[in-house]
C-alpha cells in the first residue's frame, strides 16, 4: 500500500519529476518502483571524483543550500554502472520525500529502485546519494542497517563536505584531499551509532 503523502504526490502529478517541461527525471512504474533517469553526470573512474561533481550540481537546486537544519530541500539519486563498464555515472536527483519535516528538523527523500539510461539499459545501482541542506554529517537514520539497499551511501552538504558509508565494513569515510578517509565505525544497527 502506498503511503498517503506519496499517493497525494502521484495524484497531483508530483511524482513525474520536474515541472519545467521535457521528459520527467523520475517517476513511479506500475509495480511501485521509483525510477530515476540517468545519466546526469559521468562517466568518472571513481567515487572520489564523482562525489564533489555531484555536490556542485545538486547544491544549485532549489532549497539545497538552506544553511540550517529547519529549512531546505533534501535530494536523492543513484550512482550506477553500465553493463560491462567499471566507470561511474550519477542519475538525476529527486526531491520526492515526506512533505513535513521529521522530528528534530530532519529531512528525508526516497531512494531510487532503478535507473533508466537510454544509452545502456540494465545499469546496476552501486550507491545511493543524497544531499543535506545544512552543514551536517550522516544522520543516525542514514546509517541504520534496515535502510541500506546498496553497497555504499554518499552524502554531501551545502558546503560540499562529502561522506561515504560503506555498509559492508560499517565504516563512515570523509573525502579529504581527494581520498576517502575513515572517520567512524558504526556499531549499532538500530540507531546507526
Protein backbone atom coordinates (compact mmCIF):
# COMPACT_ATOMS: atom_id res chain seq x y z
CA UNK A 1 0.00 0.00 0.00
CA UNK A 2 1.31 3.44 -0.92
CA UNK A 3 1.88 5.92 1.95
CA UNK A 4 -0.75 8.68 1.98
CA UNK A 5 1.72 11.50 1.26
CA UNK A 6 3.11 9.57 -1.72
CA UNK A 7 -0.40 8.87 -3.02
CA UNK A 8 -1.06 12.62 -2.83
CA UNK A 9 2.09 13.29 -4.86
CA UNK A 10 1.03 10.78 -7.51
CA UNK A 11 -2.47 12.25 -7.70
CA UNK A 12 -1.08 15.76 -8.08
CA UNK A 13 1.42 14.73 -10.74
CA UNK A 14 4.39 15.49 -8.45
CA UNK A 15 5.78 12.01 -8.86
CA UNK A 16 6.53 12.68 -12.52
CA UNK A 17 9.59 14.77 -11.95
CA UNK A 18 10.45 18.35 -12.67
CA UNK A 19 7.66 20.66 -13.75
CA UNK A 20 9.99 22.56 -16.08
CA UNK A 21 8.82 20.62 -19.12
CA UNK A 22 10.56 17.98 -21.16
CA UNK A 23 10.98 14.36 -20.18
CA UNK A 24 10.47 13.56 -16.48
CA UNK A 25 13.66 12.90 -14.48
CA UNK A 26 11.95 10.49 -12.05
CA UNK A 27 8.70 8.55 -11.95
CA UNK A 28 6.93 5.56 -10.43
CA UNK A 29 6.35 2.47 -12.58
CA UNK A 30 3.23 0.26 -12.40
CA UNK A 31 4.97 -2.00 -9.85
CA UNK A 32 5.53 0.94 -7.50
CA UNK A 33 9.28 1.28 -8.14
CA UNK A 34 10.74 4.78 -8.17
CA UNK A 35 12.84 5.14 -11.32
CA UNK A 36 15.40 7.89 -11.85
CA UNK A 37 16.72 8.96 -15.24
CA UNK A 38 20.42 8.90 -15.94
CA UNK A 39 22.99 9.98 -16.57
CA UNK A 40 23.18 13.49 -15.18
CA UNK A 41 26.95 13.14 -14.65
CA UNK A 42 29.65 10.72 -15.70
CA UNK A 43 31.46 8.75 -16.60
CA UNK A 44 34.16 9.03 -13.94
CA UNK A 45 36.68 6.42 -12.88
CA UNK A 46 35.95 6.63 -9.15
CA UNK A 47 33.60 7.93 -6.46
CA UNK A 48 36.23 10.39 -5.22
CA UNK A 49 35.92 12.26 -8.50
CA UNK A 50 32.16 11.89 -8.97
CA UNK A 51 31.01 12.89 -5.47
CA UNK A 52 32.31 16.50 -5.50
CA UNK A 53 30.90 16.99 -9.01
CA UNK A 54 27.52 15.80 -7.71
CA UNK A 55 27.64 18.24 -4.84
CA UNK A 56 28.39 21.15 -7.17
CA UNK A 57 25.46 20.19 -9.40
CA UNK A 58 22.88 19.45 -6.67
CA UNK A 59 23.61 22.37 -4.39
CA UNK A 60 22.39 24.78 -7.08
CA UNK A 61 18.91 23.22 -6.92
CA UNK A 62 16.04 24.99 -5.09
CA UNK A 63 16.42 24.82 -1.31
CA UNK A 64 19.62 22.76 -1.37
CA UNK A 65 21.64 25.48 0.40
CA UNK A 66 19.35 26.35 3.30
CA UNK A 67 22.34 26.54 5.64
CA UNK A 68 20.34 25.40 8.66
CA UNK A 69 18.55 22.25 9.73
CA UNK A 70 14.98 23.58 9.74
CA UNK A 71 14.76 24.74 6.14
CA UNK A 72 15.76 23.49 2.75
CA UNK A 73 15.24 20.51 0.49
CA UNK A 74 16.97 17.13 0.50
CA UNK A 75 17.66 15.47 -2.85
CA UNK A 76 18.29 11.76 -3.54
CA UNK A 77 19.68 9.90 -6.51
CA UNK A 78 21.66 6.88 -7.65
CA UNK A 79 25.27 6.22 -8.58
CA UNK A 80 25.41 3.38 -11.05
CA UNK A 81 27.50 1.47 -13.56
CA UNK A 82 26.52 0.50 -17.08
CA UNK A 83 26.76 -3.17 -18.09
CA UNK A 84 30.37 -4.08 -18.88
CA UNK A 85 31.66 -0.66 -17.76
CA UNK A 86 33.53 -0.10 -14.48
CA UNK A 87 33.13 3.68 -14.61
CA UNK A 88 30.52 5.52 -12.54
CA UNK A 89 27.51 7.60 -13.57
CA UNK A 90 25.04 9.61 -11.48
CA UNK A 91 21.32 9.78 -12.06
CA UNK A 92 19.33 12.96 -11.87
CA UNK A 93 18.17 13.66 -8.30
CA UNK A 94 14.64 13.65 -6.96
CA UNK A 95 13.10 15.90 -4.35
CA UNK A 96 10.50 13.26 -3.51
CA UNK A 97 10.04 12.89 0.21
CA UNK A 98 7.65 13.42 3.07
CA UNK A 99 6.05 16.88 2.82
CA UNK A 100 6.68 17.61 6.51
CA UNK A 101 9.93 17.73 8.39
CA UNK A 102 10.77 14.72 10.52
CA UNK A 103 11.34 15.13 14.28
CA UNK A 104 14.34 17.31 15.07
CA UNK A 105 14.02 19.22 11.79
CA UNK A 106 15.41 16.32 9.76
CA UNK A 107 14.60 15.86 6.09
CA UNK A 108 14.11 12.70 4.06
CA UNK A 109 13.81 11.63 0.45
CA UNK A 110 13.02 8.39 -1.33
CA UNK A 111 15.97 6.41 -2.69
CA UNK A 112 15.53 5.10 -6.27
CA UNK A 113 14.78 1.48 -7.06
CA UNK A 114 16.04 1.62 -10.65
CA UNK A 115 17.84 3.84 -13.14
CA UNK A 116 16.63 4.41 -16.70
CA UNK A 117 19.60 5.07 -19.01
CA UNK A 118 18.58 5.02 -22.68
CA UNK A 119 22.19 4.55 -23.82
CA UNK A 120 22.77 1.47 -21.65
CA UNK A 121 19.70 -0.34 -20.31
CA UNK A 122 20.25 -2.61 -17.33
CA UNK A 123 22.55 -0.38 -15.31
CA UNK A 124 23.42 -1.62 -11.82
CA UNK A 125 22.97 0.79 -8.91
CA UNK A 126 26.19 0.87 -6.91
CA UNK A 127 25.29 3.51 -4.32
CA UNK A 128 22.59 5.98 -3.41
CA UNK A 129 23.38 9.62 -2.81
CA UNK A 130 21.59 12.41 -1.02
CA UNK A 131 22.17 15.99 0.00
CA UNK A 132 21.66 17.70 3.33
CA UNK A 133 20.66 21.37 3.11
CA UNK A 134 22.52 22.12 6.34
CA UNK A 135 26.16 21.60 7.31
CA UNK A 136 25.87 18.15 8.82
CA UNK A 137 27.16 14.60 8.57
CA UNK A 138 25.15 11.41 8.17
CA UNK A 139 22.10 11.33 10.42
CA UNK A 140 21.53 8.28 12.66
CA UNK A 141 18.72 7.27 10.26
CA UNK A 142 21.14 7.37 7.30
CA UNK A 143 23.26 4.72 9.00
CA UNK A 144 20.54 2.30 10.12
CA UNK A 145 21.03 -1.21 8.73
CA UNK A 146 17.40 -1.54 7.62
CA UNK A 147 17.80 1.48 5.32
CA UNK A 148 20.79 0.14 3.38
CA UNK A 149 19.97 -1.11 -0.10
CA UNK A 150 23.24 -0.71 -2.00
CA UNK A 151 26.97 -1.14 -1.37
CA UNK A 152 27.57 2.47 -0.41
CA UNK A 153 25.73 5.62 0.58
CA UNK A 154 27.17 9.01 -0.38
CA UNK A 155 26.07 12.22 1.36
CA UNK A 156 27.15 15.81 0.91
CA UNK A 157 26.02 19.07 2.45
CA UNK A 158 25.71 22.59 1.08
CA UNK A 159 29.37 23.37 1.77
CA UNK A 160 30.34 20.21 -0.13
CA UNK A 161 31.71 18.16 2.72
CA UNK A 162 31.38 14.66 1.22
CA UNK A 163 30.84 11.48 3.26
CA UNK A 164 30.60 7.84 2.24
CA UNK A 165 29.13 4.98 4.25
CA UNK A 166 30.48 1.52 3.43
CA UNK A 167 27.72 -0.78 4.61
CA UNK A 168 29.82 -3.94 4.25
CA UNK A 169 32.56 -2.64 6.57
CA UNK A 170 30.14 -0.49 8.63
CA UNK A 171 32.56 2.43 8.28
CA UNK A 172 31.95 6.14 7.57
CA UNK A 173 34.51 7.94 5.42
CA UNK A 174 35.04 11.64 4.68
CA UNK A 175 36.51 12.91 1.42
CA UNK A 176 39.78 14.62 2.37
CA UNK A 177 42.31 15.82 -0.20
CA UNK A 178 40.71 13.71 -2.93
CA UNK A 179 40.62 10.44 -0.94
CA UNK A 180 38.05 8.86 1.36
CA UNK A 181 39.49 8.63 4.90
CA UNK A 182 37.76 6.57 7.63
CA UNK A 183 36.32 8.69 10.46
CA UNK A 184 33.81 6.42 12.25
CA UNK A 185 32.93 2.78 12.81
CA UNK A 186 29.19 2.05 13.04
CA UNK A 187 28.34 -0.32 15.87
CA UNK A 188 24.55 -0.07 16.33
CA UNK A 189 22.23 -1.43 13.61
CA UNK A 190 19.17 0.36 15.01
CA UNK A 191 20.49 3.87 15.70
CA UNK A 192 23.46 3.94 13.33
CA UNK A 193 25.88 4.71 16.18
